[in-house]
């Protein structure tokens, strides 16, 4: 019984390490910027469903330390009156980041104090344009740690399986 509890405990740690490493690697600014459907995650707004996206990036460049992702999205329907009220409220209460423009659109500008990313979201009645600049090395350390945790968990898991097989062969 003690052996089963020890094995379960070890497997729980392995699963936790794999889950944590996946979470850290998928939540860097670089991974968020690559997905055009992350505008909801970026702005925190309840926007309409996205029906089509045109994306471009500069990841094939030879110079510059910045990755740039631009996503132009069309909404299935216009933004709701409730969303417009929320945008107006954000423009009043968070004017450092949010502005209302004369053409009826709204802009969210976010940047990090350390200079690792810059995000500009333009939200129109039926569409949006997100421009996301990410320093090339953003998340590199986190991704490296996540990969190392994932590899360690995999090796440990394989070692546990081999050990269990050897114990069964002895019996």
C-alpha atoms as a PDB file:
ATOM      1  CA  UNK A   1       0.000   0.000   0.000  1.00  0.00           C
ATOM      2  CA  UNK A   2       2.882   2.372   0.820  1.00  0.00           C
ATOM      3  CA  UNK A   3       4.391   1.754  -2.639  1.00  0.00           C
ATOM      4  CA  UNK A   4       1.087   2.688  -4.359  1.00  0.00           C
ATOM      5  CA  UNK A   5       0.818   5.936  -2.358  1.00  0.00           C
ATOM      6  CA  UNK A   6       4.421   6.862  -3.227  1.00  0.00           C
ATOM      7  CA  UNK A   7       3.767   6.207  -6.918  1.00  0.00           C
ATOM      8  CA  UNK A   8       0.568   8.255  -6.916  1.00  0.00           C
ATOM      9  CA  UNK A   9       2.337  11.135  -5.194  1.00  0.00           C
ATOM     10  CA  UNK A  10       5.165  11.071  -7.758  1.00  0.00           C
ATOM     11  CA  UNK A  11       2.717  10.967 -10.672  1.00  0.00           C
ATOM     12  CA  UNK A  12       0.782  13.887  -9.190  1.00  0.00           C
ATOM     13  CA  UNK A  13       4.002  15.928  -9.099  1.00  0.00           C
ATOM     14  CA  UNK A  14       4.826  14.945 -12.696  1.00  0.00           C
ATOM     15  CA  UNK A  15       1.357  15.974 -13.912  1.00  0.00           C
ATOM     16  CA  UNK A  16       1.623  19.261 -11.977  1.00  0.00           C
ATOM     17  CA  UNK A  17       5.040  19.984 -13.545  1.00  0.00           C
ATOM     18  CA  UNK A  18       3.745  19.274 -17.046  1.00  0.00           C
ATOM     19  CA  UNK A  19       0.653  21.439 -16.480  1.00  0.00           C
ATOM     20  CA  UNK A  20       2.703  24.297 -15.032  1.00  0.00           C
ATOM     21  CA  UNK A  21       5.259  24.160 -17.839  1.00  0.00           C
ATOM     22  CA  UNK A  22       2.504  24.191 -20.489  1.00  0.00           C
ATOM     23  CA  UNK A  23       0.789  27.134 -18.781  1.00  0.00           C
ATOM     24  CA  UNK A  24       3.988  29.194 -18.498  1.00  0.00           C
ATOM     25  CA  UNK A  25       5.023  28.544 -22.085  1.00  0.00           C
ATOM     26  CA  UNK A  26       1.584  29.414 -23.506  1.00  0.00           C
ATOM     27  CA  UNK A  27       1.151  32.663 -21.555  1.00  0.00           C
ATOM     28  CA  UNK A  28       4.189  34.642 -22.627  1.00  0.00           C
ATOM     29  CA  UNK A  29       3.508  37.814 -24.605  1.00  0.00           C
ATOM     30  CA  UNK A  30       5.026  36.184 -27.658  1.00  0.00           C
ATOM     31  CA  UNK A  31       2.573  33.262 -27.582  1.00  0.00           C
ATOM     32  CA  UNK A  32      -0.391  35.553 -26.848  1.00  0.00           C
ATOM     33  CA  UNK A  33       0.580  37.896 -29.709  1.00  0.00           C
ATOM     34  CA  UNK A  34       0.665  35.070 -32.274  1.00  0.00           C
ATOM     35  CA  UNK A  35      -3.019  34.204 -31.819  1.00  0.00           C
ATOM     36  CA  UNK A  36      -5.419  36.728 -33.407  1.00  0.00           C
ATOM     37  CA  UNK A  37      -8.297  35.465 -31.249  1.00  0.00           C
ATOM     38  CA  UNK A  38      -6.580  36.705 -28.075  1.00  0.00           C
ATOM     39  CA  UNK A  39      -8.047  40.212 -28.442  1.00  0.00           C
ATOM     40  CA  UNK A  40     -10.606  39.271 -25.776  1.00  0.00           C
ATOM     41  CA  UNK A  41      -7.787  38.163 -23.457  1.00  0.00           C
ATOM     42  CA  UNK A  42      -5.848  41.354 -24.202  1.00  0.00           C
ATOM     43  CA  UNK A  43      -8.703  43.842 -23.759  1.00  0.00           C
ATOM     44  CA  UNK A  44     -10.892  42.006 -21.267  1.00  0.00           C
ATOM     45  CA  UNK A  45     -13.974  42.993 -23.286  1.00  0.00           C
ATOM     46  CA  UNK A  46     -16.929  40.873 -24.320  1.00  0.00           C
ATOM     47  CA  UNK A  47     -16.515  41.318 -28.064  1.00  0.00           C
ATOM     48  CA  UNK A  48     -18.547  39.595 -30.806  1.00  0.00           C
ATOM     49  CA  UNK A  49     -17.365  36.353 -32.368  1.00  0.00           C
ATOM     50  CA  UNK A  50     -14.586  36.771 -34.924  1.00  0.00           C
ATOM     51  CA  UNK A  51     -15.528  35.496 -38.380  1.00  0.00           C
ATOM     52  CA  UNK A  52     -12.357  36.186 -40.372  1.00  0.00           C
ATOM     53  CA  UNK A  53      -8.796  37.255 -39.694  1.00  0.00           C
ATOM     54  CA  UNK A  54      -5.950  38.582 -41.802  1.00  0.00           C
ATOM     55  CA  UNK A  55      -2.610  38.373 -40.033  1.00  0.00           C
ATOM     56  CA  UNK A  56       0.919  39.397 -40.800  1.00  0.00           C
ATOM     57  CA  UNK A  57       4.171  39.335 -38.865  1.00  0.00           C
ATOM     58  CA  UNK A  58       7.830  40.146 -39.252  1.00  0.00           C
ATOM     59  CA  UNK A  59       9.288  36.972 -37.733  1.00  0.00           C
ATOM     60  CA  UNK A  60      11.260  36.230 -40.929  1.00  0.00           C
ATOM     61  CA  UNK A  61      13.264  39.463 -40.660  1.00  0.00           C
ATOM     62  CA  UNK A  62      17.038  39.627 -40.387  1.00  0.00           C
ATOM     63  CA  UNK A  63      17.321  42.663 -38.129  1.00  0.00           C
ATOM     64  CA  UNK A  64      15.421  44.232 -35.222  1.00  0.00           C
ATOM     65  CA  UNK A  65      14.905  42.755 -31.793  1.00  0.00           C
ATOM     66  CA  UNK A  66      11.119  43.128 -32.007  1.00  0.00           C
ATOM     67  CA  UNK A  67       8.570  40.653 -33.288  1.00  0.00           C
ATOM     68  CA  UNK A  68       5.527  42.418 -34.705  1.00  0.00           C
ATOM     69  CA  UNK A  69       2.131  40.746 -35.159  1.00  0.00           C
ATOM     70  CA  UNK A  70      -0.764  42.551 -36.822  1.00  0.00           C
ATOM     71  CA  UNK A  71      -4.226  40.983 -36.841  1.00  0.00           C
ATOM     72  CA  UNK A  72      -7.204  42.463 -38.701  1.00  0.00           C
ATOM     73  CA  UNK A  73     -10.419  40.755 -37.618  1.00  0.00           C
ATOM     74  CA  UNK A  74     -14.030  41.021 -38.751  1.00  0.00           C
ATOM     75  CA  UNK A  75     -16.773  40.502 -36.172  1.00  0.00           C
ATOM     76  CA  UNK A  76     -19.866  38.410 -36.885  1.00  0.00           C
ATOM     77  CA  UNK A  77     -21.957  41.379 -35.767  1.00  0.00           C
ATOM     78  CA  UNK A  78     -21.429  44.920 -34.558  1.00  0.00           C
ATOM     79  CA  UNK A  79     -20.244  45.496 -31.010  1.00  0.00           C
ATOM     80  CA  UNK A  80     -23.135  45.641 -28.555  1.00  0.00           C
ATOM     81  CA  UNK A  81     -24.433  48.755 -26.818  1.00  0.00           C
ATOM     82  CA  UNK A  82     -23.201  47.252 -23.540  1.00  0.00           C
ATOM     83  CA  UNK A  83     -19.695  46.867 -24.992  1.00  0.00           C
ATOM     84  CA  UNK A  84     -19.794  50.491 -26.191  1.00  0.00           C
ATOM     85  CA  UNK A  85     -20.774  51.626 -22.673  1.00  0.00           C
ATOM     86  CA  UNK A  86     -17.870  49.595 -21.281  1.00  0.00           C
ATOM     87  CA  UNK A  87     -15.491  51.190 -23.799  1.00  0.00           C
ATOM     88  CA  UNK A  88     -16.745  54.687 -22.954  1.00  0.00           C
ATOM     89  CA  UNK A  89     -16.293  53.904 -19.259  1.00  0.00           C
ATOM     90  CA  UNK A  90     -12.724  52.686 -19.872  1.00  0.00           C
ATOM     91  CA  UNK A  91     -11.950  55.889 -21.803  1.00  0.00           C
ATOM     92  CA  UNK A  92     -13.093  57.923 -18.798  1.00  0.00           C
ATOM     93  CA  UNK A  93     -11.528  55.847 -16.011  1.00  0.00           C
ATOM     94  CA  UNK A  94      -8.365  54.573 -17.748  1.00  0.00           C
ATOM     95  CA  UNK A  95      -7.490  57.400 -20.119  1.00  0.00           C
ATOM     96  CA  UNK A  96      -3.791  56.504 -19.879  1.00  0.00           C
ATOM     97  CA  UNK A  97      -4.541  53.420 -22.019  1.00  0.00           C
ATOM     98  CA  UNK A  98      -7.986  53.889 -23.588  1.00  0.00           C
ATOM     99  CA  UNK A  99      -9.101  56.655 -25.975  1.00  0.00           C
ATOM    100  CA  UNK A 100     -12.258  57.309 -27.953  1.00  0.00           C
ATOM    101  CA  UNK A 101     -11.582  58.457 -31.498  1.00  0.00           C
ATOM    102  CA  UNK A 102     -13.590  60.796 -33.701  1.00  0.00           C
ATOM    103  CA  UNK A 103     -14.321  58.015 -36.209  1.00  0.00           C
ATOM    104  CA  UNK A 104     -16.271  56.102 -33.522  1.00  0.00           C
ATOM    105  CA  UNK A 105     -13.500  53.631 -32.790  1.00  0.00           C
ATOM    106  CA  UNK A 106     -11.675  52.980 -29.537  1.00  0.00           C
ATOM    107  CA  UNK A 107      -7.978  52.457 -28.952  1.00  0.00           C
ATOM    108  CA  UNK A 108      -6.280  50.529 -26.183  1.00  0.00           C
ATOM    109  CA  UNK A 109      -2.556  51.202 -25.848  1.00  0.00           C
ATOM    110  CA  UNK A 110      -0.647  49.033 -23.412  1.00  0.00           C
ATOM    111  CA  UNK A 111       3.072  48.774 -22.873  1.00  0.00           C
ATOM    112  CA  UNK A 112       5.354  47.374 -20.281  1.00  0.00           C
ATOM    113  CA  UNK A 113       7.499  49.593 -18.113  1.00  0.00           C
ATOM    114  CA  UNK A 114      10.483  47.370 -18.857  1.00  0.00           C
ATOM    115  CA  UNK A 115       9.962  47.687 -22.594  1.00  0.00           C
ATOM    116  CA  UNK A 116       9.181  44.024 -23.350  1.00  0.00           C
ATOM    117  CA  UNK A 117       5.968  44.593 -25.287  1.00  0.00           C
ATOM    118  CA  UNK A 118       3.628  47.154 -26.792  1.00  0.00           C
ATOM    119  CA  UNK A 119       0.013  46.466 -27.760  1.00  0.00           C
ATOM    120  CA  UNK A 120      -2.369  48.696 -29.691  1.00  0.00           C
ATOM    121  CA  UNK A 121      -5.956  47.499 -30.170  1.00  0.00           C
ATOM    122  CA  UNK A 122      -8.240  49.497 -32.450  1.00  0.00           C
ATOM    123  CA  UNK A 123     -11.848  48.446 -31.979  1.00  0.00           C
ATOM    124  CA  UNK A 124     -14.347  49.512 -34.612  1.00  0.00           C
ATOM    125  CA  UNK A 125     -18.084  48.784 -34.815  1.00  0.00           C
ATOM    126  CA  UNK A 126     -17.602  45.605 -36.924  1.00  0.00           C
ATOM    127  CA  UNK A 127     -13.881  44.888 -36.757  1.00  0.00           C
ATOM    128  CA  UNK A 128     -10.625  45.262 -34.903  1.00  0.00           C
ATOM    129  CA  UNK A 129      -6.941  45.720 -35.623  1.00  0.00           C
ATOM    130  CA  UNK A 130      -4.395  44.539 -33.073  1.00  0.00           C
ATOM    131  CA  UNK A 131      -0.734  45.468 -33.387  1.00  0.00           C
ATOM    132  CA  UNK A 132       1.457  43.629 -30.919  1.00  0.00           C
ATOM    133  CA  UNK A 133       5.191  44.304 -30.624  1.00  0.00           C
ATOM    134  CA  UNK A 134       7.099  41.857 -28.449  1.00  0.00           C
ATOM    135  CA  UNK A 135      10.789  41.949 -27.672  1.00  0.00           C
ATOM    136  CA  UNK A 136      12.292  38.888 -29.295  1.00  0.00           C
ATOM    137  CA  UNK A 137      13.638  37.548 -25.995  1.00  0.00           C
ATOM    138  CA  UNK A 138      10.362  38.065 -24.086  1.00  0.00           C
ATOM    139  CA  UNK A 139       9.484  34.869 -22.358  1.00  0.00           C
ATOM    140  CA  UNK A 140      12.704  33.130 -23.383  1.00  0.00           C
ATOM    141  CA  UNK A 141      13.686  32.486 -19.768  1.00  0.00           C
ATOM    142  CA  UNK A 142      10.148  31.391 -18.825  1.00  0.00           C
ATOM    143  CA  UNK A 143       9.955  29.176 -21.904  1.00  0.00           C
ATOM    144  CA  UNK A 144      13.347  27.651 -21.098  1.00  0.00           C
ATOM    145  CA  UNK A 145      12.274  26.925 -17.511  1.00  0.00           C
ATOM    146  CA  UNK A 146       8.978  25.483 -18.746  1.00  0.00           C
ATOM    147  CA  UNK A 147      10.759  23.261 -21.246  1.00  0.00           C
ATOM    148  CA  UNK A 148      13.214  22.086 -18.577  1.00  0.00           C
ATOM    149  CA  UNK A 149      10.338  21.264 -16.183  1.00  0.00           C
ATOM    150  CA  UNK A 150       8.535  19.412 -18.975  1.00  0.00           C
ATOM    151  CA  UNK A 151      11.675  17.432 -19.864  1.00  0.00           C
ATOM    152  CA  UNK A 152      12.404  16.640 -16.205  1.00  0.00           C
ATOM    153  CA  UNK A 153       8.831  15.440 -15.675  1.00  0.00           C
ATOM    154  CA  UNK A 154       9.043  13.270 -18.792  1.00  0.00           C
ATOM    155  CA  UNK A 155      12.344  11.711 -17.762  1.00  0.00           C
ATOM    156  CA  UNK A 156      11.097  11.128 -14.230  1.00  0.00           C
ATOM    157  CA  UNK A 157       7.910   9.541 -15.568  1.00  0.00           C
ATOM    158  CA  UNK A 158       9.861   7.208 -17.850  1.00  0.00           C
ATOM    159  CA  UNK A 159      12.120   6.287 -14.929  1.00  0.00           C
ATOM    160  CA  UNK A 160       9.062   5.447 -12.784  1.00  0.00           C
ATOM    161  CA  UNK A 161       7.623   3.233 -15.530  1.00  0.00           C
ATOM    162  CA  UNK A 162      10.937   1.397 -16.023  1.00  0.00           C
ATOM    163  CA  UNK A 163      11.273   0.943 -12.265  1.00  0.00           C
ATOM    164  CA  UNK A 164       7.733  -0.460 -12.008  1.00  0.00           C
ATOM    165  CA  UNK A 165       8.426  -2.914 -14.837  1.00  0.00           C
ATOM    166  CA  UNK A 166      11.639  -4.078 -13.169  1.00  0.00           C
ATOM    167  CA  UNK A 167       9.835  -4.598  -9.825  1.00  0.00           C
ATOM    168  CA  UNK A 168       7.133  -6.693 -11.537  1.00  0.00           C
ATOM    169  CA  UNK A 169       9.753  -8.834 -13.298  1.00  0.00           C
ATOM    170  CA  UNK A 170      11.423  -9.597  -9.969  1.00  0.00           C
ATOM    171  CA  UNK A 171       8.176 -10.859  -8.478  1.00  0.00           C
END
